[in-house]
Amino acid sequence: MPARVERTDPDGVDYGRVMQLTFVATIVAGAPLVAALSLAVELTTWTERALFAVRVGAVVWIVTALAVYAYERRVNA
């Protein structure tokens, strides 16, 4: 049986938690947002669809990451 994972008490922002929350929030909120935004754009090929999803998804990811980081920083202050 593997050893139990110890709990940590980081000083300041827990970046592991920020990454996990960013991942979950981006999937939950980002996927429907990308799908909704794609309705307003004519995407005729799979390449256009993939590039659109990557471009919009990158913006959603960075905005979500910054928002989660700001929230965690404010809560830990």
C-alpha atoms as a PDB file:
ATOM      1  CA  MET A   1       0.000   0.000   0.000  1.00  0.00           C
ATOM      2  CA  PRO A   2       1.426   3.418  -0.910  1.00  0.00           C
ATOM      3  CA  ALA A   3       2.182   5.923   1.785  1.00  0.00           C
ATOM      4  CA  ARG A   4      -0.503   8.462   2.606  1.00  0.00           C
ATOM      5  CA  VAL A   5      -0.182  11.836   0.982  1.00  0.00           C
ATOM      6  CA  GLU A   6       0.625  14.485   3.522  1.00  0.00           C
ATOM      7  CA  ARG A   7      -1.331  17.720   3.697  1.00  0.00           C
ATOM      8  CA  THR A   8       0.543  20.945   3.142  1.00  0.00           C
ATOM      9  CA  ASP A   9      -0.012  24.397   4.495  1.00  0.00           C
ATOM     10  CA  PRO A  10       1.618  26.654   1.916  1.00  0.00           C
ATOM     11  CA  ASP A  11       2.456  30.232   2.706  1.00  0.00           C
ATOM     12  CA  GLY A  12       0.360  32.361   0.397  1.00  0.00           C
ATOM     13  CA  VAL A  13      -1.340  30.998  -2.697  1.00  0.00           C
ATOM     14  CA  ASP A  14      -1.540  27.229  -3.212  1.00  0.00           C
ATOM     15  CA  TYR A  15      -0.636  26.963  -6.895  1.00  0.00           C
ATOM     16  CA  GLY A  16      -1.723  23.318  -7.113  1.00  0.00           C
ATOM     17  CA  ARG A  17      -5.216  24.312  -6.048  1.00  0.00           C
ATOM     18  CA  VAL A  18      -5.194  27.208  -8.526  1.00  0.00           C
ATOM     19  CA  MET A  19      -4.261  24.824 -11.352  1.00  0.00           C
ATOM     20  CA  GLN A  20      -6.939  22.306 -10.375  1.00  0.00           C
ATOM     21  CA  LEU A  21      -9.660  24.945 -10.068  1.00  0.00           C
ATOM     22  CA  THR A  22      -8.588  26.525 -13.354  1.00  0.00           C
ATOM     23  CA  PHE A  23      -8.844  23.171 -15.118  1.00  0.00           C
ATOM     24  CA  VAL A  24     -12.298  22.384 -13.754  1.00  0.00           C
ATOM     25  CA  ALA A  25     -13.700  25.888 -14.251  1.00  0.00           C
ATOM     26  CA  THR A  26     -12.372  26.083 -17.796  1.00  0.00           C
ATOM     27  CA  ILE A  27     -14.021  22.795 -18.738  1.00  0.00           C
ATOM     28  CA  VAL A  28     -17.317  23.613 -17.016  1.00  0.00           C
ATOM     29  CA  ALA A  29     -17.638  27.214 -18.236  1.00  0.00           C
ATOM     30  CA  GLY A  30     -15.282  27.292 -21.212  1.00  0.00           C
ATOM     31  CA  ALA A  31     -16.688  24.448 -23.299  1.00  0.00           C
ATOM     32  CA  PRO A  32     -20.223  25.874 -23.457  1.00  0.00           C
ATOM     33  CA  LEU A  33     -18.792  29.346 -24.090  1.00  0.00           C
ATOM     34  CA  VAL A  34     -16.687  28.146 -27.030  1.00  0.00           C
ATOM     35  CA  ALA A  35     -19.685  26.252 -28.411  1.00  0.00           C
ATOM     36  CA  ALA A  36     -21.929  29.315 -28.098  1.00  0.00           C
ATOM     37  CA  LEU A  37     -19.366  31.610 -29.706  1.00  0.00           C
ATOM     38  CA  SER A  38     -18.867  29.172 -32.579  1.00  0.00           C
ATOM     39  CA  LEU A  39     -22.509  29.604 -33.573  1.00  0.00           C
ATOM     40  CA  ALA A  40     -21.805  33.175 -34.670  1.00  0.00           C
ATOM     41  CA  VAL A  41     -18.877  32.189 -36.925  1.00  0.00           C
ATOM     42  CA  GLU A  42     -18.950  30.186 -40.144  1.00  0.00           C
ATOM     43  CA  LEU A  43     -16.597  27.260 -39.660  1.00  0.00           C
ATOM     44  CA  THR A  44     -16.681  25.110 -42.792  1.00  0.00           C
ATOM     45  CA  THR A  45     -13.730  22.745 -42.228  1.00  0.00           C
ATOM     46  CA  TRP A  46     -12.491  20.752 -39.288  1.00  0.00           C
ATOM     47  CA  THR A  47      -9.253  22.716 -39.354  1.00  0.00           C
ATOM     48  CA  GLU A  48     -11.134  26.000 -38.944  1.00  0.00           C
ATOM     49  CA  ARG A  49     -13.172  24.498 -36.105  1.00  0.00           C
ATOM     50  CA  ALA A  50     -10.077  23.241 -34.299  1.00  0.00           C
ATOM     51  CA  LEU A  51      -8.194  26.516 -34.699  1.00  0.00           C
ATOM     52  CA  PHE A  52     -11.219  28.468 -33.480  1.00  0.00           C
ATOM     53  CA  ALA A  53     -11.530  26.239 -30.404  1.00  0.00           C
ATOM     54  CA  VAL A  54      -7.826  26.617 -29.623  1.00  0.00           C
ATOM     55  CA  ARG A  55      -7.822  30.404 -30.039  1.00  0.00           C
ATOM     56  CA  VAL A  56     -10.953  31.005 -27.987  1.00  0.00           C
ATOM     57  CA  GLY A  57     -10.050  28.281 -25.486  1.00  0.00           C
ATOM     58  CA  ALA A  58      -6.665  29.901 -24.829  1.00  0.00           C
ATOM     59  CA  VAL A  59      -8.314  33.203 -23.984  1.00  0.00           C
ATOM     60  CA  VAL A  60     -10.851  31.468 -21.744  1.00  0.00           C
ATOM     61  CA  TRP A  61      -8.047  29.533 -20.020  1.00  0.00           C
ATOM     62  CA  ILE A  62      -5.910  32.590 -19.236  1.00  0.00           C
ATOM     63  CA  VAL A  63      -8.873  34.660 -18.034  1.00  0.00           C
ATOM     64  CA  THR A  64     -10.029  31.799 -15.815  1.00  0.00           C
ATOM     65  CA  ALA A  65      -6.522  31.230 -14.446  1.00  0.00           C
ATOM     66  CA  LEU A  66      -6.067  34.896 -13.589  1.00  0.00           C
ATOM     67  CA  ALA A  67      -9.502  35.066 -11.967  1.00  0.00           C
ATOM     68  CA  VAL A  68      -8.880  31.950  -9.861  1.00  0.00           C
ATOM     69  CA  TYR A  69      -5.435  33.216  -8.833  1.00  0.00           C
ATOM     70  CA  ALA A  70      -6.876  36.609  -7.837  1.00  0.00           C
ATOM     71  CA  TYR A  71      -9.618  34.901  -5.843  1.00  0.00           C
ATOM     72  CA  GLU A  72      -7.182  32.617  -4.023  1.00  0.00           C
ATOM     73  CA  ARG A  73      -4.852  35.502  -3.293  1.00  0.00           C
ATOM     74  CA  ARG A  74      -7.699  37.608  -1.885  1.00  0.00           C
ATOM     75  CA  VAL A  75      -8.960  34.720   0.262  1.00  0.00           C
ATOM     76  CA  ASN A  76      -5.474  34.053   1.673  1.00  0.00           C
ATOM     77  CA  ALA A  77      -4.733  37.721   2.391  1.00  0.00           C
END
